Amino acid sequence: MSGEKVRILAVLRLDFKVEREDLYHRLKRYIELLERIIDDPSVDHGLRIKALNTLSSLVSRAEKIITDAELDELEERISQLEEELEESD
């Protein structure tokens, strides 16, 4: 993927009640972070693939009802990706 940009377009409609607004903001933040990793050609190819797989999991779960526990699990995966990203710099 030398210099190529991969663009994944997924329409994801999420309806949250007010008490779930935090959940929405967390999801949005994670999706944006993962997209930045995937789109950055300076990031190691393997790490970009991990980010792509994590984004895929996040989107597929978000289409269903996602629980706080599931989001916590994905948050852990994203934190690990961030650590790997920092270590690879």
C-alpha atoms as a PDB file:
ATOM      1  CA  MET A   1       0.000   0.000   0.000  1.00  0.00           C
ATOM      2  CA  SER A   2       2.831   2.361  -0.721  1.00  0.00           C
ATOM      3  CA  GLY A   3       1.213   5.771  -0.906  1.00  0.00           C
ATOM      4  CA  GLU A   4      -2.209   4.393  -1.816  1.00  0.00           C
ATOM      5  CA  LYS A   5      -5.229   5.637   0.047  1.00  0.00           C
ATOM      6  CA  VAL A   6      -7.902   3.179   0.998  1.00  0.00           C
ATOM      7  CA  ARG A   7     -11.308   4.696   1.508  1.00  0.00           C
ATOM      8  CA  ILE A   8     -14.050   2.692   3.145  1.00  0.00           C
ATOM      9  CA  LEU A   9     -17.492   4.156   3.000  1.00  0.00           C
ATOM     10  CA  ALA A  10     -20.027   2.805   5.400  1.00  0.00           C
ATOM     11  CA  VAL A  11     -23.334   4.389   6.190  1.00  0.00           C
ATOM     12  CA  LEU A  12     -23.962   3.901   9.852  1.00  0.00           C
ATOM     13  CA  ARG A  13     -27.095   5.396  11.323  1.00  0.00           C
ATOM     14  CA  LEU A  14     -27.090   5.554  15.085  1.00  0.00           C
ATOM     15  CA  ASP A  15     -30.002   6.765  17.189  1.00  0.00           C
ATOM     16  CA  PHE A  16     -29.142   7.417  20.794  1.00  0.00           C
ATOM     17  CA  LYS A  17     -31.227   8.633  23.645  1.00  0.00           C
ATOM     18  CA  VAL A  18     -29.801  11.462  25.708  1.00  0.00           C
ATOM     19  CA  GLU A  19     -28.386   9.085  28.335  1.00  0.00           C
ATOM     20  CA  ARG A  20     -26.454   7.303  25.580  1.00  0.00           C
ATOM     21  CA  GLU A  21     -24.899  10.472  24.202  1.00  0.00           C
ATOM     22  CA  ASP A  22     -21.546   9.600  25.791  1.00  0.00           C
ATOM     23  CA  LEU A  23     -21.626   6.283  23.953  1.00  0.00           C
ATOM     24  CA  TYR A  24     -22.166   8.108  20.661  1.00  0.00           C
ATOM     25  CA  HIS A  25     -19.237  10.459  21.282  1.00  0.00           C
ATOM     26  CA  ARG A  26     -16.951   7.560  22.189  1.00  0.00           C
ATOM     27  CA  LEU A  27     -17.918   5.684  19.030  1.00  0.00           C
ATOM     28  CA  LYS A  28     -17.380   8.765  16.877  1.00  0.00           C
ATOM     29  CA  ARG A  29     -13.969   9.437  18.424  1.00  0.00           C
ATOM     30  CA  TYR A  30     -12.840   5.837  17.884  1.00  0.00           C
ATOM     31  CA  ILE A  31     -14.041   5.731  14.279  1.00  0.00           C
ATOM     32  CA  GLU A  32     -12.198   8.961  13.501  1.00  0.00           C
ATOM     33  CA  LEU A  33      -9.007   7.708  15.173  1.00  0.00           C
ATOM     34  CA  LEU A  34      -9.083   4.392  13.325  1.00  0.00           C
ATOM     35  CA  GLU A  35      -9.734   6.149  10.008  1.00  0.00           C
ATOM     36  CA  ARG A  36      -6.697   8.396  10.597  1.00  0.00           C
ATOM     37  CA  ILE A  37      -4.486   5.352  11.240  1.00  0.00           C
ATOM     38  CA  ILE A  38      -5.824   3.547   8.166  1.00  0.00           C
ATOM     39  CA  ASP A  39      -5.348   6.593   5.928  1.00  0.00           C
ATOM     40  CA  ASP A  40      -1.806   7.406   7.101  1.00  0.00           C
ATOM     41  CA  PRO A  41       0.718   5.964   4.623  1.00  0.00           C
ATOM     42  CA  SER A  42       3.544   6.460   7.136  1.00  0.00           C
ATOM     43  CA  VAL A  43       1.958   3.936   9.526  1.00  0.00           C
ATOM     44  CA  ASP A  44       3.204   0.345   9.304  1.00  0.00           C
ATOM     45  CA  HIS A  45       1.083  -1.790   6.970  1.00  0.00           C
ATOM     46  CA  GLY A  46       0.381  -4.410   9.656  1.00  0.00           C
ATOM     47  CA  LEU A  47      -0.806  -1.783  12.097  1.00  0.00           C
ATOM     48  CA  ARG A  48      -3.077  -0.291   9.441  1.00  0.00           C
ATOM     49  CA  ILE A  49      -4.592  -3.755   8.873  1.00  0.00           C
ATOM     50  CA  LYS A  50      -5.187  -4.141  12.638  1.00  0.00           C
ATOM     51  CA  ALA A  51      -6.908  -0.742  12.649  1.00  0.00           C
ATOM     52  CA  LEU A  52      -9.024  -1.790   9.674  1.00  0.00           C
ATOM     53  CA  ASN A  53     -10.081  -5.003  11.436  1.00  0.00           C
ATOM     54  CA  THR A  54     -10.909  -3.075  14.607  1.00  0.00           C
ATOM     55  CA  LEU A  55     -12.956  -0.551  12.625  1.00  0.00           C
ATOM     56  CA  SER A  56     -14.805  -3.404  10.954  1.00  0.00           C
ATOM     57  CA  SER A  57     -15.636  -4.910  14.367  1.00  0.00           C
ATOM     58  CA  LEU A  58     -16.718  -1.566  15.735  1.00  0.00           C
ATOM     59  CA  VAL A  59     -19.032  -0.796  12.813  1.00  0.00           C
ATOM     60  CA  SER A  60     -20.580  -4.274  12.742  1.00  0.00           C
ATOM     61  CA  ARG A  61     -21.281  -4.138  16.479  1.00  0.00           C
ATOM     62  CA  ALA A  62     -22.563  -0.572  16.335  1.00  0.00           C
ATOM     63  CA  GLU A  63     -25.166  -1.602  13.772  1.00  0.00           C
ATOM     64  CA  LYS A  64     -26.637  -3.725  16.516  1.00  0.00           C
ATOM     65  CA  ILE A  65     -27.191  -2.597  20.062  1.00  0.00           C
ATOM     66  CA  ILE A  66     -23.748  -2.069  21.519  1.00  0.00           C
ATOM     67  CA  THR A  67     -23.288  -2.360  25.241  1.00  0.00           C
ATOM     68  CA  ASP A  68     -20.860  -0.432  27.393  1.00  0.00           C
ATOM     69  CA  ALA A  69     -18.920  -3.662  27.982  1.00  0.00           C
ATOM     70  CA  GLU A  70     -18.518  -4.257  24.244  1.00  0.00           C
ATOM     71  CA  LEU A  71     -17.374  -0.692  23.726  1.00  0.00           C
ATOM     72  CA  ASP A  72     -14.930  -1.079  26.626  1.00  0.00           C
ATOM     73  CA  GLU A  73     -13.478  -4.152  24.894  1.00  0.00           C
ATOM     74  CA  LEU A  74     -13.069  -2.233  21.632  1.00  0.00           C
ATOM     75  CA  GLU A  75     -11.613   0.698  23.564  1.00  0.00           C
ATOM     76  CA  GLU A  76      -8.914  -1.643  24.888  1.00  0.00           C
ATOM     77  CA  ARG A  77      -8.100  -2.814  21.355  1.00  0.00           C
ATOM     78  CA  ILE A  78      -7.887   0.799  20.196  1.00  0.00           C
ATOM     79  CA  SER A  79      -5.617   1.707  23.130  1.00  0.00           C
ATOM     80  CA  GLN A  80      -3.310  -1.147  22.173  1.00  0.00           C
ATOM     81  CA  LEU A  81      -3.242   0.137  18.580  1.00  0.00           C
ATOM     82  CA  GLU A  82      -2.359   3.619  19.823  1.00  0.00           C
ATOM     83  CA  GLU A  83       0.491   2.181  21.915  1.00  0.00           C
ATOM     84  CA  GLU A  84       1.800   0.211  18.934  1.00  0.00           C
ATOM     85  CA  LEU A  85       1.552   3.325  16.798  1.00  0.00           C
ATOM     86  CA  GLU A  86       3.603   5.336  19.302  1.00  0.00           C
ATOM     87  CA  GLU A  87       6.182   2.542  19.554  1.00  0.00           C
ATOM     88  CA  SER A  88       6.552   2.371  15.772  1.00  0.00           C
ATOM     89  CA  ASP A  89       7.388   6.096  15.475  1.00  0.00           C
END
